[in-house]
Protein backbone atom coordinates (compact mmCIF):
# COMPACT_ATOMS: atom_id res chain seq x y z
CA MET A 1 27.76 17.72 4.45
CA THR A 2 29.41 17.85 1.04
CA GLU A 3 26.24 18.60 -0.96
CA SER A 4 23.48 21.07 -0.11
CA PHE A 5 19.88 19.94 0.26
CA ALA A 6 18.88 22.22 -2.62
CA ALA A 7 21.41 20.50 -4.86
CA ARG A 8 20.15 17.08 -3.76
CA ARG A 9 16.57 18.14 -4.53
CA SER A 10 17.62 19.23 -8.00
CA VAL A 11 19.42 15.97 -8.75
CA CYS A 12 16.48 13.97 -7.38
CA ALA A 13 14.00 15.94 -9.53
CA ASP A 14 16.14 15.36 -12.63
CA GLU A 15 16.19 11.61 -11.97
CA LEU A 16 12.41 11.56 -11.48
CA ALA A 17 11.87 13.52 -14.69
CA ALA A 18 14.13 11.17 -16.64
CA THR A 19 11.94 8.20 -15.68
CA GLY A 20 8.66 9.91 -16.60
CA CYS A 21 7.36 10.47 -13.08
CA PHE A 22 6.10 13.98 -13.97
CA ASP A 23 4.50 13.06 -17.30
CA ARG A 24 0.93 13.20 -15.96
CA ALA A 25 1.57 16.03 -13.50
CA PRO A 26 4.21 18.50 -14.80
CA TRP A 27 3.40 20.81 -11.88
CA ALA A 28 4.82 18.21 -9.47
CA LEU A 29 8.36 18.94 -10.71
CA GLU A 30 8.21 22.45 -9.30
CA ALA A 31 6.56 21.14 -6.14
CA VAL A 32 9.38 18.66 -5.56
CA LEU A 33 11.92 21.45 -5.99
CA LYS A 34 10.05 23.70 -3.53
CA VAL A 35 9.15 21.30 -0.72
CA GLU A 36 12.14 20.84 1.56
CA ARG A 37 11.84 17.11 2.15
CA GLU A 38 14.51 17.16 4.84
CA ARG A 39 12.14 19.20 7.05
CA PHE A 40 9.67 16.31 7.03
CA VAL A 41 12.04 13.44 7.78
CA PRO A 42 12.98 12.73 11.43
CA ARG A 43 16.63 13.08 12.30
CA ASP A 44 16.59 9.43 13.36
CA VAL A 45 15.06 6.97 10.89
CA TRP A 46 15.04 3.20 10.55
CA MET A 47 17.13 1.26 8.04
CA TRP A 48 16.39 -2.38 7.23
CA THR A 49 19.29 -4.84 7.24
CA LYS A 50 19.41 -8.63 7.09
CA ASP A 51 19.74 -8.61 10.88
CA GLY A 52 16.77 -6.33 11.54
CA TYR A 53 16.26 -2.58 11.76
CA ARG A 54 18.95 -0.16 12.84
CA VAL A 55 18.79 3.57 13.52
CA LEU A 56 20.23 5.90 10.89
CA SER A 57 20.95 9.17 12.67
CA CYS A 58 21.52 12.50 10.94
CA SER A 59 23.85 13.56 13.74
CA LYS A 60 26.09 10.50 13.36
CA GLU A 61 25.80 9.75 9.62
CA PRO A 62 24.75 13.02 7.96
CA GLU A 63 25.80 12.05 4.44
CA GLU A 64 24.02 8.71 4.51
CA TRP A 65 20.93 10.31 6.08
CA ALA A 66 20.77 13.03 3.41
CA LYS A 67 21.34 10.49 0.65
CA THR A 68 18.47 8.40 2.00
CA VAL A 69 16.12 11.39 2.25
CA TYR A 70 16.62 12.28 -1.41
CA ASP A 71 16.81 8.81 -2.88
CA PRO A 72 14.01 9.01 -5.50
CA VAL A 73 13.06 5.33 -5.29
CA LYS A 74 13.47 4.64 -1.58
CA ALA A 75 10.87 5.03 1.17
CA VAL A 76 12.25 6.27 4.48
CA VAL A 77 10.95 4.24 7.42
CA THR A 78 10.05 6.62 10.24
CA GLN A 79 8.28 4.22 12.61
CA ILE A 80 8.31 0.51 13.36
CA ASN A 81 5.98 -1.57 15.52
CA ASP A 82 3.44 1.27 15.82
CA GLY A 83 5.98 3.24 17.82
CA GLN A 84 6.51 0.51 20.41
CA ASP A 85 9.88 -0.97 21.30
CA GLY A 86 10.61 -4.21 19.48
CA PRO A 87 12.77 -7.16 20.56
CA LEU A 88 16.50 -6.81 20.01
CA THR A 89 18.54 -9.30 18.01
CA THR A 90 21.82 -10.67 19.33
CA ASN A 91 23.59 -7.98 17.27
CA GLY A 92 21.55 -5.16 18.79
CA PHE A 93 19.21 -4.66 15.85
CA VAL A 94 15.46 -4.35 16.32
CA ARG A 95 12.96 -6.88 15.02
CA GLY A 96 9.59 -5.74 13.78
CA SER A 97 7.58 -4.27 10.95
CA ALA A 98 7.56 -0.83 9.38
CA THR A 99 4.38 1.04 10.36
CA SER A 100 5.01 4.52 8.94
CA SER A 101 7.30 5.97 6.31
CA VAL A 102 7.99 8.91 4.06
CA SER A 103 7.00 7.37 0.72
CA ALA A 104 9.47 7.12 -2.15
CA LEU A 105 9.20 10.17 -4.39
CA ASP A 106 8.79 8.19 -7.60
CA ILE A 107 5.49 6.59 -6.58
CA VAL A 108 4.38 9.81 -4.86
CA CYS A 109 4.72 11.74 -8.12
CA ILE A 110 3.08 8.97 -10.12
CA LYS A 111 0.13 9.04 -7.70
CA LEU A 112 -0.15 12.82 -7.97
CA GLY A 113 -0.38 12.40 -11.73
CA TYR A 114 -3.33 10.04 -11.47
CA LEU A 115 -5.03 12.30 -8.92
CA ASP A 116 -5.55 14.98 -11.62
CA LEU A 117 -5.33 17.70 -8.99
CA GLU A 118 -6.22 21.25 -10.04
CA PRO A 119 -5.67 24.64 -8.33
CA GLY A 120 -8.39 25.46 -5.81
CA GLN A 121 -9.60 21.89 -5.42
CA LYS A 122 -10.21 20.52 -1.94
CA VAL A 123 -8.40 17.28 -1.12
CA LEU A 124 -8.51 14.80 1.77
CA ASP A 125 -5.22 13.01 2.43
CA ILE A 126 -5.59 9.73 4.35
CA GLY A 127 -2.42 9.00 6.30
CA ALA A 128 -0.60 12.25 7.06
CA GLY A 129 2.60 10.54 8.16
CA SER A 130 5.23 13.28 8.27
CA GLY A 131 3.05 15.74 6.32
CA VAL A 132 5.23 15.91 3.22
CA ASN A 133 2.54 14.67 0.81
CA ALA A 134 0.15 17.34 2.09
CA ALA A 135 2.83 19.96 1.44
CA LEU A 136 3.32 18.77 -2.14
CA MET A 137 -0.43 18.92 -2.80
CA GLU A 138 -0.76 22.38 -1.25
CA GLU A 139 1.77 23.61 -3.81
CA ARG A 140 -0.88 22.71 -6.40
CA THR A 141 -4.19 23.49 -4.67
CA GLY A 142 -3.14 26.63 -2.84
CA PRO A 143 -3.52 27.36 0.90
CA GLY A 144 -6.50 26.11 2.88
CA ASN A 145 -7.51 23.29 0.56
CA VAL A 146 -5.67 20.27 1.98
CA PHE A 147 -6.96 18.24 4.92
CA THR A 148 -4.86 15.35 6.15
CA ILE A 149 -5.81 12.74 8.73
CA GLU A 150 -3.50 10.56 10.81
CA VAL A 151 -4.53 7.79 13.23
CA ASP A 152 -1.30 7.91 15.28
CA GLU A 153 -1.29 10.79 17.78
CA ALA A 154 2.49 11.18 17.86
CA LEU A 155 2.72 11.23 14.07
CA ALA A 156 -0.17 13.71 13.83
CA ARG A 157 1.59 16.09 16.22
CA GLN A 158 4.82 15.82 14.25
CA ALA A 159 3.04 16.38 10.93
CA THR A 160 1.37 19.50 12.35
CA HIS A 161 4.75 20.83 13.47
CA ASN A 162 6.47 19.96 10.18
CA LEU A 163 3.83 21.64 8.03
CA SER A 164 3.53 24.80 10.10
CA THR A 165 7.28 25.37 10.42
CA ALA A 166 7.66 24.84 6.66
CA GLY A 167 4.98 27.46 6.00
CA TYR A 168 2.06 25.27 4.92
CA THR A 169 -1.57 25.61 6.00
CA ALA A 170 -2.77 22.02 5.51
CA ARG A 171 -5.00 21.02 8.41
CA VAL A 172 -3.89 17.89 10.28
CA VAL A 173 -6.59 15.89 12.06
CA CYS A 174 -5.88 13.00 14.42
CA GLY A 175 -8.44 10.29 13.73
CA ASP A 176 -9.33 7.10 11.92
CA GLY A 177 -8.76 7.53 8.20
CA GLU A 178 -11.53 5.05 7.41
CA SER A 179 -14.02 7.60 8.77
CA GLY A 180 -12.61 10.41 6.65
CA TYR A 181 -13.16 13.95 7.89
CA ALA A 182 -16.76 15.07 7.46
CA ASP A 183 -16.13 18.64 8.67
CA GLY A 184 -14.15 19.41 5.50
CA ALA A 185 -16.45 17.63 3.04
CA PRO A 186 -17.28 17.53 0.23
CA TYR A 187 -13.88 16.93 -1.32
CA ASP A 188 -12.86 17.03 -4.96
CA ARG A 189 -10.14 14.45 -4.38
CA LEU A 190 -9.30 11.80 -1.78
CA ILE A 191 -5.88 10.17 -1.73
CA CYS A 192 -4.73 7.43 0.62
CA THR A 193 -1.13 6.58 1.49
CA ALA A 194 -1.88 3.10 2.86
CA SER A 195 -3.30 -0.03 1.28
CA ALA A 196 -7.01 -0.78 1.68
CA ARG A 197 -8.87 -4.09 1.33
CA SER A 198 -12.19 -2.33 0.78
CA ILE A 199 -13.38 1.22 0.16
CA PRO A 200 -14.93 2.72 3.32
CA GLY A 201 -18.39 4.15 2.83
CA ALA A 202 -17.31 7.45 4.38
CA TRP A 203 -14.85 8.02 1.54
CA ARG A 204 -17.57 7.77 -1.09
CA GLU A 205 -19.94 9.90 0.98
CA GLN A 206 -17.40 12.69 1.48
CA VAL A 207 -16.20 12.95 -2.14
CA ARG A 208 -18.48 14.92 -4.45
CA PRO A 209 -20.01 13.27 -7.53
CA GLY A 210 -17.38 13.27 -10.26
CA GLY A 211 -14.60 13.41 -7.67
CA ILE A 212 -11.71 10.95 -7.54
CA ILE A 213 -10.61 8.44 -4.91
CA LEU A 214 -7.01 7.23 -5.36
CA THR A 215 -5.67 4.52 -3.08
CA PRO A 216 -3.40 1.49 -2.99
CA TYR A 217 -5.77 -1.48 -2.90
CA GLY A 218 -5.36 -5.20 -2.65
CA THR A 219 -5.67 -8.33 -0.59
CA TRP A 220 -3.69 -9.83 2.27
CA PHE A 221 -2.02 -11.99 -0.37
CA SER A 222 -1.08 -9.07 -2.63
CA SER A 223 -1.35 -5.35 -1.84
CA SER A 224 0.03 -4.29 -5.20
CA GLY A 225 -2.53 -2.20 -7.12
CA LEU A 226 -3.10 1.55 -7.34
CA LEU A 227 -6.85 2.08 -7.73
CA ARG A 228 -8.48 5.18 -9.22
CA LEU A 229 -12.23 5.47 -8.68
CA THR A 230 -14.71 8.11 -9.83
CA VAL A 231 -17.66 8.72 -7.51
CA GLY A 232 -21.10 8.70 -9.13
CA GLU A 233 -24.24 10.71 -8.42
CA ASP A 234 -25.74 7.76 -6.52
CA GLY A 235 -22.71 7.33 -4.24
CA ALA A 236 -21.33 4.35 -6.12
CA ALA A 237 -17.73 4.43 -7.35
CA GLU A 238 -16.01 2.72 -10.25
CA GLY A 239 -12.62 2.73 -11.89
CA ARG A 240 -9.48 0.88 -12.87
CA PHE A 241 -6.20 -0.10 -11.35
CA VAL A 242 -3.83 2.34 -13.00
CA HIS A 243 -0.43 1.28 -11.68
CA THR A 244 1.35 -1.02 -9.27
CA ALA A 245 1.78 0.21 -5.70
CA ALA A 246 2.80 -1.67 -2.55
CA TYR A 247 2.08 0.18 0.71
CA MET A 248 1.63 -0.59 4.39
CA TRP A 249 -1.93 -1.47 5.34
CA LEU A 250 -4.48 0.82 6.89
CA ARG A 251 -4.29 -0.34 10.49
CA ALA A 252 -7.83 -1.76 10.49
CA HIS A 253 -7.08 -3.69 7.28
CA ARG A 254 -4.02 -5.60 8.47
CA GLU A 255 -3.70 -9.38 8.32
CA PRO A 256 -5.36 -11.30 11.15
CA GLY A 257 -3.11 -12.41 13.95
CA GLY A 258 -3.08 -15.81 15.58
CA ARG A 259 -2.69 -19.26 14.12
CA PRO A 260 -4.98 -21.41 12.01
CA PRO A 261 -6.90 -24.15 13.83
CA ARG A 262 -5.50 -27.64 13.22
CA GLU A 263 -8.34 -29.77 14.59
CA SER A 264 -10.12 -30.76 11.36
CA GLU A 265 -9.35 -33.84 9.30
CA GLU A 266 -6.18 -33.71 7.21
CA ARG A 267 -6.42 -34.31 3.46
CA LEU A 268 -3.14 -35.44 1.87
CA SER A 269 -2.35 -35.39 -1.84
CA ALA A 270 0.29 -34.61 -4.44
CA SER A 271 0.36 -31.18 -6.01
CA ALA A 272 -0.87 -30.95 -9.59
CA ALA A 273 1.84 -28.39 -10.41
CA GLU A 274 5.20 -27.21 -9.12
CA PRO A 275 4.56 -24.72 -6.27
CA ASP A 276 7.55 -22.52 -7.14
CA LYS A 277 6.10 -21.99 -10.63
CA ILE A 278 2.58 -21.30 -9.36
CA LEU A 279 3.68 -18.77 -6.74
CA ASP A 280 6.68 -17.34 -8.58
CA GLY A 281 6.48 -13.77 -7.26
CA ASP A 282 4.80 -12.28 -10.32
CA TRP A 283 2.91 -9.22 -9.01
CA HIS A 284 0.21 -9.48 -11.65
CA ALA A 285 -0.44 -13.17 -11.00
CA ASP A 286 -0.45 -12.64 -7.25
CA PHE A 287 -2.90 -9.77 -7.65
CA ALA A 288 -5.37 -12.04 -9.46
CA ILE A 289 -4.85 -14.97 -7.09
CA GLY A 290 -5.47 -12.77 -4.07
CA HIS A 291 -8.82 -11.63 -5.44
CA LEU A 292 -9.89 -15.07 -6.65
CA VAL A 293 -9.03 -16.78 -3.35
CA PRO A 294 -10.65 -14.51 -0.71
CA GLY A 295 -8.89 -14.09 2.62
CA LEU A 296 -5.72 -15.87 1.48
CA THR A 297 -2.48 -15.30 3.39
CA MET A 298 0.85 -17.00 2.79
CA ARG A 299 4.05 -17.74 4.66
CA ARG A 300 7.16 -19.42 3.27
CA VAL A 301 9.21 -21.76 5.46
CA SER A 302 12.84 -22.26 4.48
CA GLY A 303 15.29 -24.88 5.63
CA ASP A 304 15.74 -28.54 4.77
CA GLN A 305 12.11 -28.83 3.67
CA ARG A 306 10.84 -25.68 1.99
CA ARG A 307 7.12 -25.24 2.44
CA ILE A 308 4.35 -22.80 1.62
CA LEU A 309 1.76 -22.26 4.35
CA LEU A 310 -1.66 -20.92 3.37
CA TRP A 311 -4.48 -19.71 5.62
CA ASP A 312 -7.78 -17.96 4.99
CA GLY A 313 -7.86 -16.25 8.40
CA LYS A 314 -10.62 -18.61 9.51
CA GLU A 315 -10.77 -22.41 9.49
CA SER A 316 -8.96 -23.46 6.32
CA PHE A 317 -5.24 -24.19 6.13
CA ALA A 318 -2.80 -25.77 3.67
CA SER A 319 0.86 -26.78 3.79
CA VAL A 320 2.62 -27.43 0.47
CA CYS A 321 6.10 -28.93 0.07
CA CYS A 322 8.13 -27.15 -2.60
CA ASP A 323 10.54 -30.06 -3.07
CA GLY A 324 9.05 -33.45 -3.85
CA TRP A 325 5.79 -31.68 -4.66
CA ASP A 326 4.52 -34.58 -6.80
CA GLU A 327 4.69 -37.08 -3.94
CA ALA A 328 1.43 -38.41 -2.52
CA ASP A 329 1.70 -36.57 0.80
CA SER A 330 3.30 -33.29 -0.33
CA VAL A 331 0.10 -31.28 0.14
CA LEU A 332 -1.82 -31.15 3.40
CA GLN A 333 -5.19 -29.35 3.42
CA GLN A 334 -7.61 -28.83 6.29
CA GLY A 335 -10.91 -27.06 6.85
CA PRO A 336 -13.93 -26.43 4.65
CA ARG A 337 -11.84 -24.97 1.81
CA SER A 338 -9.04 -26.63 -0.15
CA LEU A 339 -6.83 -23.57 -0.38
CA TRP A 340 -4.07 -25.05 -2.51
CA ASP A 341 -6.62 -26.31 -5.04
CA GLU A 342 -8.13 -22.81 -5.14
CA VAL A 343 -4.69 -21.27 -5.72
CA LEU A 344 -4.00 -23.71 -8.57
CA ALA A 345 -7.35 -22.87 -10.18
CA ALA A 346 -6.75 -19.13 -9.79
CA ARG A 347 -3.30 -19.29 -11.36
CA SER A 348 -4.69 -21.42 -14.21
CA TRP A 349 -7.41 -18.82 -14.82
CA TRP A 350 -4.83 -16.02 -14.94
CA ASP A 351 -2.70 -17.97 -17.43
CA GLU A 352 -5.75 -18.73 -19.60
CA GLN A 353 -6.72 -15.05 -19.70
CA GLY A 354 -3.37 -14.20 -21.28
CA ARG A 355 -1.62 -13.29 -18.02
CA PRO A 356 -3.31 -9.88 -17.67
CA GLU A 357 -1.43 -7.10 -15.94
CA ILE A 358 -2.91 -5.25 -12.99
CA THR A 359 -4.00 -2.36 -15.21
CA ARG A 360 -6.55 -4.59 -16.97
CA PHE A 361 -8.48 -4.99 -13.72
CA GLY A 362 -11.01 -2.65 -12.19
CA LEU A 363 -13.39 -2.31 -9.26
CA THR A 364 -17.01 -1.31 -8.87
CA VAL A 365 -18.32 -0.31 -5.45
CA THR A 366 -22.11 -0.12 -5.48
CA ALA A 367 -24.09 2.51 -3.58
CA ASP A 368 -24.83 -0.05 -0.85
CA GLY A 369 -21.18 -1.03 -0.50
CA GLU A 370 -20.83 -4.22 -2.53
CA HIS A 371 -17.38 -4.65 -4.09
CA HIS A 372 -16.94 -6.28 -7.52
CA VAL A 373 -13.47 -6.79 -9.03
CA TRP A 374 -13.51 -7.23 -12.80
CA LEU A 375 -11.27 -7.84 -15.80
CA ASP A 376 -11.39 -5.41 -18.74
CA ALA A 377 -15.05 -4.40 -18.22
CA PRO A 378 -17.44 -4.19 -15.23
CA GLN A 379 -19.57 -7.06 -16.51
CA ASN A 380 -16.59 -9.47 -16.31
CA ARG A 381 -16.58 -9.98 -12.54
CA LEU A 382 -13.90 -12.10 -10.91
CA LEU A 383 -15.72 -13.09 -7.75
CA ARG A 384 -18.96 -12.75 -5.90
CA SER A 385 -19.79 -9.45 -4.29
CA ARG A 386 -18.58 -8.79 -0.77
CA THR A 387 -19.24 -5.93 1.63
C-alpha cells in the first residue's frame, strides 16, 4: 500500500474541515484522527455497479479498499440483503439492497455537531453497525458512557470485537433499536443511524428531559431529513429538521412488500401538469410531498412508455404516463384515494409556500405519541396527527 492509514486519515480530516464538517463540533476533528476507521471496516465490502454489487476485497485490491475506507463522502456497504445471499446476474454480480454500511464521514461529523455531545454525557446509539460511530462518540464522552444497540446478531458480534480490539469500552447490545435499552437509561443523547418514519415511545421515555434525540426521519417517499428533537418534562418531544440525510430504514420501518390490489374501478384522466416537472427529484419538494400524501411509495418504469407508479401500501394505486401526459387516458387511478391528484396538490402547496427547504420544517411528538409535522412553527401543521 503506497500510503499509510494515518496519512489517509489526515488527508480525509483536512477535506472534511475544508467543507465545514467540524464547524459545530471541533472536537470531532481530533476524534476522526484518532479512530482507526480501517479497524471497523470488513476486509470484504460491497461496491455498487450498474450490473449489481461486487465484492471489493482488501486482499485483492488493497489500494482501492483503503481509498474507499477513507473517502470522506462515501458510505461503505458492509452488508446486503440482511446478510442473505442474493441472486446473481449473468455477469456474476449480486442483486439486492444495501442493509448495513459504515456511514460517510461527512454526514457522521455533521450529525455529531447537531448532537451537542459533551464530556461525561451518556449516549444511546441506535444501529451499531461496525461500531465506528460509537468509537467516535467515546472519544468525546469518555469511557463507559456509550451504549450501542444492533438488531443483527452477526453485526453486533463484529461491532463488539471491533470496539474491544480498538480499545473502546462502548457496550454493544443485540436487540431491537425501537425498544432502546432501558438498562442504561436515562440518556443525555440518543442518536440513530437509520431512517425512522415515527419516533418510538421508548426513545422519548429513555432520554432525560432536556435531552436530545437525533435521527434521520422521513417517509417511504422521501427519507431525506435529519431531525433534532428536545425531550420535554412531560415526555413530549419537539424540534426541527436541521439538515438533509438519506439513510437505510430501521428494519421495522421499511416499505411494505407485495403489490397493490387492482380489483377496484379504474378512473382515467389526463394529468393537469407534466409529471417530470412535478416529481423532478428535488429533495425538499419530495420531503413535503411525502408528508402531505401519507403512505406514498413510487416506482419509475422506463422503456418505450415511461411511467410513474404510485401506491399507498393499502388499496389505492395510480399509474401516470410521463410522455403524452395530457392525453385523456394518461393517468389511471384506483382505490379510495386519487394518489396522483394528491401529489399534484402537495407539489402545488410546496410551490405556493415559496418552495421551503427541509430546514423550515419541524416535528412535534406529543406525550401520547401523536406526530405533527409543521412548517416554520408548531401551529402550522401539515397534516392530521398520526400515531
